[in-house]
Amino acid sequence: MGTVDGDYGYAMAESFFSSAKREVVDGEHFATRAEARGETFTWLDWYNAARLDSSLAYCPPIEYGEDLAKQSLVAWGRSVRPANRQAGAMRRGSSGTGFGCGNPGMSRR
């Protein structure tokens, strides 16, 4: 992210809020704040858990983080048995990172 108050951090924040506004707020009318809050939470849940990110080898951010943590444990000499895969078998992502994703398709919600 660079330094504190760096331009890159501001650009990332602006990009995130621009996406949120465009995908959740623009063109919508919410009857109550609770309804708007609920729709925002639903979008945030999708954004963090299911969105495929091209900079993360088309992995959802949560899965990428889990795979990174598993690889870090293995690198430090601790054995890890992936819950939903054969022991030690990690599929290679489209970017060649070795992470578990690699689906080049895009999905939303």
Protein backbone atom coordinates (compact mmCIF):
# COMPACT_ATOMS: atom_id res chain seq x y z
CA MET A 1 0.00 0.00 0.00
CA GLY A 2 2.94 2.31 0.24
CA THR A 3 3.42 4.89 2.95
CA VAL A 4 0.81 6.20 5.32
CA ASP A 5 -1.23 8.84 3.50
CA GLY A 6 0.36 7.75 0.22
CA ASP A 7 -1.30 8.31 -3.13
CA TYR A 8 -1.65 4.57 -3.82
CA GLY A 9 -3.70 4.07 -0.64
CA TYR A 10 -5.99 6.90 -1.62
CA ALA A 11 -6.41 5.46 -5.12
CA MET A 12 -7.35 2.05 -3.71
CA ALA A 13 -9.90 3.60 -1.36
CA GLU A 14 -11.38 5.74 -4.12
CA SER A 15 -11.65 2.71 -6.40
CA PHE A 16 -13.38 0.67 -3.69
CA PHE A 17 -15.92 3.37 -2.82
CA SER A 18 -16.53 4.10 -6.49
CA SER A 19 -17.37 0.43 -7.06
CA ALA A 20 -19.60 0.34 -4.00
CA LYS A 21 -21.48 3.46 -5.03
CA ARG A 22 -21.87 2.30 -8.64
CA GLU A 23 -23.00 -1.24 -7.76
CA VAL A 24 -25.11 -0.58 -4.65
CA VAL A 25 -26.35 3.01 -4.56
CA ASP A 26 -26.61 4.46 -8.07
CA GLY A 27 -30.15 4.24 -9.43
CA GLU A 28 -31.53 2.67 -6.25
CA HIS A 29 -34.07 4.04 -3.82
CA PHE A 30 -34.08 2.60 -0.33
CA ALA A 31 -37.16 3.07 1.82
CA THR A 32 -35.18 2.99 5.07
CA ARG A 33 -31.61 3.26 6.24
CA ALA A 34 -31.85 -0.33 7.45
CA GLU A 35 -32.68 -1.47 3.91
CA ALA A 36 -29.70 0.47 2.51
CA ARG A 37 -27.46 -0.92 5.26
CA GLY A 38 -28.62 -4.47 4.49
CA GLU A 39 -27.94 -4.10 0.77
CA THR A 40 -24.52 -2.61 1.51
CA PHE A 41 -23.67 -5.50 3.84
CA THR A 42 -24.77 -8.03 1.20
CA TRP A 43 -22.50 -6.34 -1.36
CA LEU A 44 -19.56 -6.24 1.09
CA ASP A 45 -20.03 -9.93 1.84
CA TRP A 46 -19.91 -10.71 -1.91
CA TYR A 47 -16.95 -8.33 -2.42
CA ASN A 48 -14.84 -10.07 0.25
CA ALA A 49 -15.97 -13.67 -0.14
CA ALA A 50 -17.05 -14.42 -3.71
CA ARG A 51 -15.69 -11.76 -6.09
CA LEU A 52 -13.01 -13.07 -8.43
CA ASP A 53 -10.06 -10.69 -8.42
CA SER A 54 -7.72 -10.66 -11.43
CA SER A 55 -4.82 -9.40 -9.31
CA LEU A 56 -5.27 -12.45 -7.04
CA ALA A 57 -5.15 -15.08 -9.82
CA TYR A 58 -8.95 -14.88 -10.16
CA CYS A 59 -9.46 -16.03 -6.57
CA PRO A 60 -11.96 -14.62 -4.11
CA PRO A 61 -9.99 -12.56 -1.56
CA ILE A 62 -10.88 -14.84 1.36
CA GLU A 63 -9.79 -18.02 -0.45
CA TYR A 64 -6.57 -16.33 -1.61
CA GLY A 65 -5.79 -15.35 1.98
CA GLU A 66 -6.49 -18.87 3.24
CA ASP A 67 -4.23 -20.39 0.57
CA LEU A 68 -1.51 -17.86 1.37
CA ALA A 69 -1.72 -18.76 5.07
CA LYS A 70 -1.50 -22.49 4.23
CA GLN A 71 1.56 -21.91 2.05
CA SER A 72 3.17 -19.82 4.79
CA LEU A 73 2.67 -22.64 7.30
CA VAL A 74 4.16 -25.16 4.87
CA ALA A 75 7.12 -22.84 4.24
CA TRP A 76 7.77 -22.72 7.98
CA GLY A 77 7.83 -26.52 8.16
CA ARG A 78 4.34 -27.13 9.49
CA SER A 79 2.26 -29.65 7.61
CA VAL A 80 -1.17 -28.57 6.47
CA ARG A 81 -3.89 -30.85 5.14
CA PRO A 82 -6.30 -28.81 2.98
CA ALA A 83 -9.86 -29.53 4.05
CA ASN A 84 -11.42 -29.83 0.59
CA ARG A 85 -8.44 -31.12 -1.43
CA GLN A 86 -6.13 -34.10 -1.37
CA ALA A 87 -3.28 -33.66 1.07
CA GLY A 88 -0.66 -31.33 -0.35
CA ALA A 89 -2.37 -30.92 -3.71
CA MET A 90 -2.84 -27.29 -4.64
CA ARG A 91 -4.19 -26.40 -8.04
CA ARG A 92 -2.07 -23.89 -9.90
CA GLY A 93 -3.77 -20.53 -10.52
CA SER A 94 -3.83 -18.92 -13.95
CA SER A 95 -1.00 -16.62 -12.95
CA GLY A 96 1.20 -19.52 -11.91
CA THR A 97 1.13 -18.51 -8.26
CA GLY A 98 0.25 -21.97 -6.98
CA PHE A 99 -2.84 -20.70 -5.22
CA GLY A 100 -6.05 -22.69 -5.27
CA CYS A 101 -8.02 -20.63 -7.78
CA GLY A 102 -7.43 -19.99 -11.40
CA ASN A 103 -10.93 -19.77 -12.86
CA PRO A 104 -10.62 -17.04 -15.51
CA GLY A 105 -14.39 -16.43 -15.53
CA MET A 106 -15.91 -13.52 -13.69
CA SER A 107 -18.88 -13.91 -11.38
CA ARG A 108 -20.96 -11.56 -9.33
CA ARG A 109 -23.25 -12.36 -6.42
